[in-house]
Amino acid sequence: MFNIQYIDHVVLRVQSLSAMRNFYEDILGCTMERENPEFGLYQLRAGQCLIDLVPVDQAAGREGGAAPGREGRNLHHFCLRIDPFEPEKITAFLRGKNIQVSALQQRYGAEGMGPSIYISDPEQNLVELKGPPSNPASVHQSFARET
């Protein structure tokens, strides 16, 4: 029937568009791909994927109910595969921007086990930054589903 290739985009309902844009653009290096202020949609390019920001006080963001916060979030975390993955340099850069960084750990992702760290954006969405698989030979190969 069909095969899933990768995550196309993630949509975050946000309270402060400016703080979130600063974080994703100026700190993580995303670029503004498309803006639709009438609908309240701001799409940032994150490699081959998009991170959409929808302010809770604009049309698209109002569709989701109460604003995200300490007592309720839109998601647990999302993971950005980054390259190169140089943990010491990444950690120093982020700490220089006053961003807390978790301990480096091996975690499983779409490409297998590999190094990753966690950070939080200004609205406490958990973001995993993940490096390449530790053992490329163990990378899961996609397969075609038969109908």
N, C-alpha and C. Protein backbone atom coordinates (compact mmCIF):
# COMPACT_ATOMS: atom_id res chain seq x y z
N MET A 1 0.83 -1.19 0.00
CA MET A 1 0.00 0.00 0.00
C MET A 1 0.87 1.25 0.00
N PHE A 2 1.65 1.47 1.08
CA PHE A 2 2.58 2.60 1.14
C PHE A 2 3.63 2.33 2.20
N ASN A 3 4.73 3.08 2.13
CA ASN A 3 5.81 2.96 3.10
C ASN A 3 6.11 4.32 3.69
N ILE A 4 6.22 4.39 4.99
CA ILE A 4 6.59 5.64 5.64
C ILE A 4 8.09 5.84 5.43
N GLN A 5 8.48 7.03 5.01
CA GLN A 5 9.87 7.34 4.72
C GLN A 5 10.58 8.05 5.89
N TYR A 6 9.96 9.08 6.47
CA TYR A 6 10.54 9.84 7.57
C TYR A 6 9.50 10.80 8.11
N ILE A 7 9.78 11.43 9.23
CA ILE A 7 8.88 12.44 9.76
C ILE A 7 8.99 13.68 8.89
N ASP A 8 7.88 14.13 8.34
CA ASP A 8 7.85 15.28 7.45
C ASP A 8 7.93 16.59 8.23
N HIS A 9 7.10 16.71 9.26
CA HIS A 9 7.12 17.92 10.07
C HIS A 9 6.51 17.65 11.44
N VAL A 10 6.80 18.55 12.36
CA VAL A 10 6.26 18.55 13.71
C VAL A 10 5.61 19.92 13.89
N VAL A 11 4.45 19.96 14.52
CA VAL A 11 3.76 21.23 14.76
C VAL A 11 3.76 21.50 16.26
N LEU A 12 4.29 22.65 16.64
CA LEU A 12 4.31 23.06 18.04
C LEU A 12 3.39 24.25 18.24
N ARG A 13 2.46 24.13 19.16
CA ARG A 13 1.62 25.27 19.55
C ARG A 13 2.45 26.08 20.54
N VAL A 14 2.59 27.39 20.30
CA VAL A 14 3.52 28.20 21.09
C VAL A 14 2.84 29.42 21.68
N GLN A 15 3.39 29.86 22.80
CA GLN A 15 2.90 31.08 23.45
C GLN A 15 3.70 32.30 23.01
N SER A 16 5.00 32.14 22.80
CA SER A 16 5.86 33.26 22.39
C SER A 16 6.54 32.93 21.07
N LEU A 17 5.97 33.42 19.98
CA LEU A 17 6.53 33.16 18.66
C LEU A 17 7.95 33.69 18.56
N SER A 18 8.20 34.88 19.09
CA SER A 18 9.55 35.47 18.97
C SER A 18 10.60 34.65 19.71
N ALA A 19 10.30 34.19 20.92
CA ALA A 19 11.26 33.38 21.68
C ALA A 19 11.51 32.04 20.98
N MET A 20 10.45 31.45 20.46
CA MET A 20 10.60 30.16 19.80
C MET A 20 11.35 30.30 18.48
N ARG A 21 11.08 31.36 17.73
CA ARG A 21 11.82 31.57 16.48
C ARG A 21 13.29 31.81 16.79
N ASN A 22 13.58 32.60 17.81
CA ASN A 22 14.96 32.84 18.18
C ASN A 22 15.68 31.52 18.49
N PHE A 23 15.05 30.66 19.26
CA PHE A 23 15.65 29.38 19.63
C PHE A 23 15.90 28.51 18.40
N TYR A 24 14.88 28.30 17.61
CA TYR A 24 15.01 27.37 16.47
C TYR A 24 15.83 27.95 15.33
N GLU A 25 15.75 29.25 15.11
CA GLU A 25 16.54 29.85 14.03
C GLU A 25 17.95 30.21 14.48
N ASP A 26 18.07 31.01 15.54
CA ASP A 26 19.37 31.53 15.94
C ASP A 26 20.25 30.53 16.68
N ILE A 27 19.63 29.61 17.42
CA ILE A 27 20.42 28.66 18.19
C ILE A 27 20.58 27.33 17.45
N LEU A 28 19.48 26.77 16.95
CA LEU A 28 19.58 25.48 16.28
C LEU A 28 19.85 25.59 14.78
N GLY A 29 19.73 26.78 14.21
CA GLY A 29 20.08 26.97 12.80
C GLY A 29 18.99 26.67 11.79
N CYS A 30 17.74 26.55 12.22
CA CYS A 30 16.65 26.38 11.27
C CYS A 30 16.48 27.68 10.49
N THR A 31 15.84 27.60 9.34
CA THR A 31 15.58 28.80 8.54
C THR A 31 14.08 28.91 8.28
N MET A 32 13.61 30.16 8.19
CA MET A 32 12.20 30.38 7.91
C MET A 32 11.92 29.96 6.48
N GLU A 33 11.02 29.03 6.31
CA GLU A 33 10.67 28.51 4.99
C GLU A 33 9.45 29.22 4.43
N ARG A 34 8.45 29.42 5.30
CA ARG A 34 7.18 29.95 4.83
C ARG A 34 6.40 30.53 6.00
N GLU A 35 5.77 31.66 5.78
CA GLU A 35 4.94 32.28 6.81
C GLU A 35 3.54 32.50 6.27
N ASN A 36 2.56 32.20 7.10
CA ASN A 36 1.18 32.48 6.77
C ASN A 36 0.54 33.12 8.01
N PRO A 37 0.80 34.44 8.22
CA PRO A 37 0.31 35.11 9.42
C PRO A 37 -1.21 35.12 9.55
N GLU A 38 -1.94 35.11 8.41
CA GLU A 38 -3.40 35.12 8.48
C GLU A 38 -3.93 33.86 9.16
N PHE A 39 -3.27 32.74 8.92
CA PHE A 39 -3.66 31.48 9.52
C PHE A 39 -2.93 31.23 10.83
N GLY A 40 -1.79 31.90 11.02
CA GLY A 40 -1.00 31.69 12.22
C GLY A 40 -0.08 30.49 12.09
N LEU A 41 0.63 30.41 10.96
CA LEU A 41 1.51 29.28 10.70
C LEU A 41 2.87 29.78 10.25
N TYR A 42 3.92 29.33 10.94
CA TYR A 42 5.30 29.74 10.65
C TYR A 42 6.11 28.46 10.51
N GLN A 43 6.58 28.18 9.30
CA GLN A 43 7.25 26.92 9.01
C GLN A 43 8.75 27.11 8.88
N LEU A 44 9.48 26.39 9.74
CA LEU A 44 10.94 26.46 9.76
C LEU A 44 11.53 25.21 9.13
N ARG A 45 12.52 25.41 8.29
CA ARG A 45 13.23 24.29 7.67
C ARG A 45 14.22 23.73 8.67
N ALA A 46 14.14 22.40 8.91
CA ALA A 46 15.04 21.69 9.80
C ALA A 46 15.60 20.51 9.01
N GLY A 47 16.66 20.75 8.25
CA GLY A 47 17.19 19.71 7.37
C GLY A 47 16.18 19.39 6.30
N GLN A 48 15.80 18.11 6.19
CA GLN A 48 14.82 17.70 5.20
C GLN A 48 13.39 17.83 5.71
N CYS A 49 13.23 18.25 6.95
CA CYS A 49 11.92 18.30 7.59
C CYS A 49 11.55 19.74 7.95
N LEU A 50 10.34 19.90 8.47
CA LEU A 50 9.87 21.20 8.93
C LEU A 50 9.46 21.13 10.39
N ILE A 51 9.66 22.25 11.08
CA ILE A 51 9.09 22.46 12.41
C ILE A 51 8.14 23.64 12.25
N ASP A 52 6.85 23.37 12.43
CA ASP A 52 5.84 24.41 12.30
C ASP A 52 5.54 25.00 13.67
N LEU A 53 5.49 26.30 13.74
CA LEU A 53 5.12 27.00 14.96
C LEU A 53 3.76 27.64 14.74
N VAL A 54 2.81 27.38 15.63
CA VAL A 54 1.49 27.98 15.54
C VAL A 54 1.18 28.65 16.88
N PRO A 55 1.20 29.99 16.91
CA PRO A 55 0.90 30.71 18.15
C PRO A 55 -0.53 30.42 18.64
N VAL A 56 -0.68 30.20 19.94
CA VAL A 56 -1.98 29.84 20.51
C VAL A 56 -3.00 30.97 20.43
N ASP A 57 -2.55 32.19 20.16
CA ASP A 57 -3.48 33.31 20.05
C ASP A 57 -3.83 33.64 18.60
N GLN A 58 -3.46 32.76 17.67
CA GLN A 58 -3.80 32.94 16.26
C GLN A 58 -4.65 31.76 15.79
N ALA A 59 -5.20 31.86 14.60
CA ALA A 59 -6.19 30.90 14.10
C ALA A 59 -5.80 29.44 14.27
N ALA A 60 -4.68 29.01 13.73
CA ALA A 60 -4.30 27.61 13.79
C ALA A 60 -4.05 27.15 15.23
N GLY A 61 -3.42 27.99 16.03
CA GLY A 61 -3.10 27.64 17.41
C GLY A 61 -4.32 27.54 18.31
N ARG A 62 -5.36 28.32 18.03
CA ARG A 62 -6.57 28.26 18.85
C ARG A 62 -7.30 26.94 18.70
N GLU A 63 -7.03 26.22 17.61
CA GLU A 63 -7.72 24.95 17.37
C GLU A 63 -7.34 23.87 18.38
N GLY A 64 -6.24 24.03 19.08
CA GLY A 64 -5.76 22.98 19.98
C GLY A 64 -6.16 23.10 21.42
N GLY A 65 -7.01 24.05 21.78
CA GLY A 65 -7.42 24.18 23.18
C GLY A 65 -6.45 25.02 23.98
N ALA A 66 -6.29 24.66 25.26
CA ALA A 66 -5.45 25.44 26.16
C ALA A 66 -3.99 25.44 25.70
N ALA A 67 -3.30 26.50 26.06
CA ALA A 67 -1.90 26.65 25.68
C ALA A 67 -1.03 25.62 26.39
N PRO A 68 0.06 25.19 25.73
CA PRO A 68 0.98 24.27 26.39
C PRO A 68 1.65 24.96 27.57
N GLY A 69 2.02 24.20 28.56
CA GLY A 69 2.68 24.75 29.73
C GLY A 69 3.17 23.64 30.63
N ARG A 70 3.49 24.00 31.86
CA ARG A 70 4.05 23.04 32.80
C ARG A 70 3.12 21.85 33.04
N GLU A 71 1.83 22.09 33.07
CA GLU A 71 0.87 21.03 33.39
C GLU A 71 0.37 20.28 32.16
N GLY A 72 0.68 20.75 30.98
CA GLY A 72 0.21 20.06 29.79
C GLY A 72 1.04 20.43 28.58
N ARG A 73 1.52 19.44 27.87
CA ARG A 73 2.35 19.69 26.70
C ARG A 73 1.70 19.07 25.48
N ASN A 74 2.19 19.48 24.33
CA ASN A 74 1.68 18.93 23.07
C ASN A 74 2.34 17.60 22.73
N LEU A 75 3.54 17.33 23.22
CA LEU A 75 4.25 16.10 22.92
C LEU A 75 5.33 15.87 23.96
N HIS A 76 5.87 14.66 24.02
CA HIS A 76 6.93 14.38 25.00
C HIS A 76 8.25 14.97 24.51
N HIS A 77 8.69 14.59 23.30
CA HIS A 77 9.88 15.18 22.72
C HIS A 77 9.91 14.84 21.24
N PHE A 78 10.75 15.54 20.52
CA PHE A 78 11.03 15.15 19.15
C PHE A 78 12.53 15.17 18.97
N CYS A 79 12.99 14.43 17.98
CA CYS A 79 14.42 14.21 17.80
C CYS A 79 14.89 14.79 16.47
N LEU A 80 15.97 15.55 16.52
CA LEU A 80 16.60 16.08 15.33
C LEU A 80 17.93 15.37 15.14
N ARG A 81 18.09 14.70 14.03
CA ARG A 81 19.36 14.04 13.70
C ARG A 81 20.31 15.11 13.20
N ILE A 82 21.45 15.26 13.81
CA ILE A 82 22.37 16.32 13.42
C ILE A 82 23.71 15.75 12.98
N ASP A 83 24.39 16.51 12.15
CA ASP A 83 25.68 16.11 11.63
C ASP A 83 26.49 17.36 11.31
N PRO A 84 27.71 17.49 11.76
CA PRO A 84 28.42 16.50 12.56
C PRO A 84 27.93 16.52 14.00
N PHE A 85 28.12 15.43 14.67
CA PHE A 85 27.75 15.33 16.07
C PHE A 85 29.03 15.34 16.89
N GLU A 86 29.36 16.52 17.39
CA GLU A 86 30.57 16.72 18.21
C GLU A 86 30.10 17.17 19.59
N PRO A 87 29.85 16.22 20.49
CA PRO A 87 29.20 16.51 21.76
C PRO A 87 29.83 17.63 22.58
N GLU A 88 31.16 17.67 22.64
CA GLU A 88 31.82 18.70 23.45
C GLU A 88 31.55 20.10 22.87
N LYS A 89 31.67 20.24 21.57
CA LYS A 89 31.43 21.53 20.91
C LYS A 89 29.97 21.93 21.01
N ILE A 90 29.08 20.99 20.80
CA ILE A 90 27.65 21.27 20.87
C ILE A 90 27.27 21.71 22.28
N THR A 91 27.74 20.96 23.27
CA THR A 91 27.43 21.28 24.67
C THR A 91 27.97 22.66 25.05
N ALA A 92 29.20 22.96 24.66
CA ALA A 92 29.79 24.27 24.98
C ALA A 92 28.99 25.39 24.31
N PHE A 93 28.61 25.20 23.06
CA PHE A 93 27.82 26.21 22.34
C PHE A 93 26.49 26.46 23.04
N LEU A 94 25.77 25.37 23.36
CA LEU A 94 24.45 25.51 23.98
C LEU A 94 24.54 26.12 25.37
N ARG A 95 25.51 25.68 26.16
CA ARG A 95 25.67 26.26 27.50
C ARG A 95 26.03 27.74 27.41
N GLY A 96 26.76 28.12 26.35
CA GLY A 96 27.06 29.53 26.12
C GLY A 96 25.83 30.35 25.81
N LYS A 97 24.76 29.69 25.39
CA LYS A 97 23.46 30.34 25.13
C LYS A 97 22.52 30.16 26.31
N ASN A 98 23.06 29.71 27.46
CA ASN A 98 22.29 29.48 28.69
C ASN A 98 21.23 28.40 28.54
N ILE A 99 21.56 27.37 27.78
CA ILE A 99 20.66 26.25 27.59
C ILE A 99 21.23 25.05 28.33
N GLN A 100 20.42 24.45 29.21
CA GLN A 100 20.85 23.27 29.94
C GLN A 100 20.91 22.08 29.00
N VAL A 101 21.94 21.27 29.16
CA VAL A 101 22.17 20.12 28.28
C VAL A 101 22.23 18.86 29.15
N SER A 102 21.52 17.83 28.74
CA SER A 102 21.55 16.56 29.48
C SER A 102 22.90 15.88 29.28
N ALA A 103 23.10 14.83 30.03
CA ALA A 103 24.29 14.01 29.84
C ALA A 103 24.20 13.29 28.49
N LEU A 104 25.34 13.08 27.88
CA LEU A 104 25.43 12.34 26.63
C LEU A 104 25.11 10.87 26.92
N GLN A 105 24.21 10.29 26.13
CA GLN A 105 23.87 8.87 26.29
C GLN A 105 23.67 8.23 24.93
N GLN A 106 23.78 6.93 24.89
CA GLN A 106 23.45 6.15 23.70
C GLN A 106 21.95 5.85 23.76
N ARG A 107 21.25 6.22 22.68
CA ARG A 107 19.82 5.98 22.63
C ARG A 107 19.46 5.41 21.26
N TYR A 108 18.36 4.70 21.24
CA TYR A 108 17.92 4.09 20.00
C TYR A 108 17.07 5.08 19.21
N GLY A 109 17.30 5.15 17.91
CA GLY A 109 16.51 6.00 17.02
C GLY A 109 16.33 5.30 15.69
N ALA A 110 15.87 6.04 14.69
CA ALA A 110 15.54 5.47 13.38
C ALA A 110 16.72 4.77 12.72
N GLU A 111 17.94 5.21 13.02
CA GLU A 111 19.13 4.61 12.40
C GLU A 111 19.82 3.60 13.31
N GLY A 112 19.27 3.35 14.48
CA GLY A 112 19.88 2.43 15.43
C GLY A 112 20.39 3.17 16.65
N MET A 113 21.24 2.51 17.44
CA MET A 113 21.81 3.13 18.64
C MET A 113 22.82 4.20 18.24
N GLY A 114 22.76 5.30 18.94
CA GLY A 114 23.71 6.37 18.68
C GLY A 114 23.69 7.39 19.80
N PRO A 115 24.65 8.30 19.81
CA PRO A 115 24.76 9.29 20.87
C PRO A 115 23.68 10.36 20.75
N SER A 116 23.22 10.84 21.89
CA SER A 116 22.26 11.94 21.86
C SER A 116 22.29 12.71 23.17
N ILE A 117 21.78 13.92 23.09
CA ILE A 117 21.59 14.78 24.25
C ILE A 117 20.20 15.38 24.17
N TYR A 118 19.70 15.83 25.31
CA TYR A 118 18.40 16.51 25.36
C TYR A 118 18.60 17.96 25.77
N ILE A 119 17.78 18.82 25.17
CA ILE A 119 17.69 20.22 25.57
C ILE A 119 16.21 20.59 25.58
N SER A 120 15.88 21.75 26.12
CA SER A 120 14.50 22.23 26.09
C SER A 120 14.45 23.57 25.39
N ASP A 121 13.39 23.77 24.61
CA ASP A 121 13.21 25.07 23.97
C ASP A 121 12.60 26.05 24.98
N PRO A 122 12.37 27.31 24.62
CA PRO A 122 11.87 28.28 25.59
C PRO A 122 10.52 27.94 26.22
N GLU A 123 9.74 27.06 25.58
CA GLU A 123 8.45 26.69 26.14
C GLU A 123 8.45 25.27 26.70
N GLN A 124 9.66 24.78 27.00
CA GLN A 124 9.88 23.50 27.67
C GLN A 124 9.52 22.28 26.84
N ASN A 125 9.50 22.41 25.51
CA ASN A 125 9.41 21.23 24.66
C ASN A 125 10.77 20.56 24.69
N LEU A 126 10.78 19.27 24.91
CA LEU A 126 12.03 18.52 24.98
C LEU A 126 12.49 18.18 23.56
N VAL A 127 13.74 18.54 23.26
CA VAL A 127 14.31 18.32 21.92
C VAL A 127 15.53 17.43 22.08
N GLU A 128 15.53 16.31 21.38
CA GLU A 128 16.68 15.41 21.39
C GLU A 128 17.53 15.74 20.17
N LEU A 129 18.82 15.93 20.39
CA LEU A 129 19.78 16.12 19.31
C LEU A 129 20.56 14.82 19.20
N LYS A 130 20.47 14.15 18.04
CA LYS A 130 21.01 12.81 17.90
C LYS A 130 22.07 12.74 16.82
N GLY A 131 23.14 12.00 17.13
CA GLY A 131 24.23 11.78 16.20
C GLY A 131 24.03 10.52 15.38
N PRO A 132 25.05 10.16 14.60
CA PRO A 132 24.96 8.98 13.74
C PRO A 132 24.95 7.69 14.55
N PRO A 133 24.52 6.60 13.94
CA PRO A 133 24.49 5.33 14.66
C PRO A 133 25.90 4.90 15.06
N SER A 134 26.00 4.28 16.21
CA SER A 134 27.29 3.81 16.71
C SER A 134 27.82 2.65 15.88
N ASN A 135 26.92 1.83 15.37
CA ASN A 135 27.31 0.68 14.56
C ASN A 135 26.49 0.72 13.26
N PRO A 136 27.01 1.42 12.22
CA PRO A 136 26.24 1.57 10.99
C PRO A 136 25.77 0.26 10.37
N ALA A 137 26.46 -0.84 10.63
CA ALA A 137 26.06 -2.13 10.07
C ALA A 137 24.74 -2.60 10.64
N SER A 138 24.36 -2.06 11.81
CA SER A 138 23.12 -2.51 12.44
C SER A 138 21.92 -1.64 12.09
N VAL A 139 22.11 -0.72 11.17
CA VAL A 139 21.02 0.18 10.80
C VAL A 139 19.87 -0.63 10.20
N HIS A 140 18.69 -0.34 10.69
CA HIS A 140 17.48 -1.02 10.21
C HIS A 140 17.21 -0.63 8.76
N GLN A 141 17.01 -1.59 7.90
CA GLN A 141 16.68 -1.34 6.51
C GLN A 141 15.17 -1.28 6.38
N SER A 142 14.68 -0.28 5.64
CA SER A 142 13.23 -0.21 5.43
C SER A 142 12.81 -1.35 4.52
N PHE A 143 11.57 -1.72 4.64
CA PHE A 143 11.07 -2.81 3.82
C PHE A 143 9.72 -2.42 3.26
N ALA A 144 9.38 -3.04 2.15
CA ALA A 144 8.10 -2.78 1.50
C ALA A 144 7.05 -3.66 2.15
N ARG A 145 5.93 -3.08 2.45
CA ARG A 145 4.82 -3.86 2.99
C ARG A 145 4.01 -4.42 1.83
N GLU A 146 3.69 -5.65 1.93
CA GLU A 146 2.88 -6.26 0.88
C GLU A 146 1.43 -6.18 1.29
N THR A 147 0.59 -5.93 0.31
CA THR A 147 -0.83 -5.85 0.61
C THR A 147 -1.53 -7.13 0.26
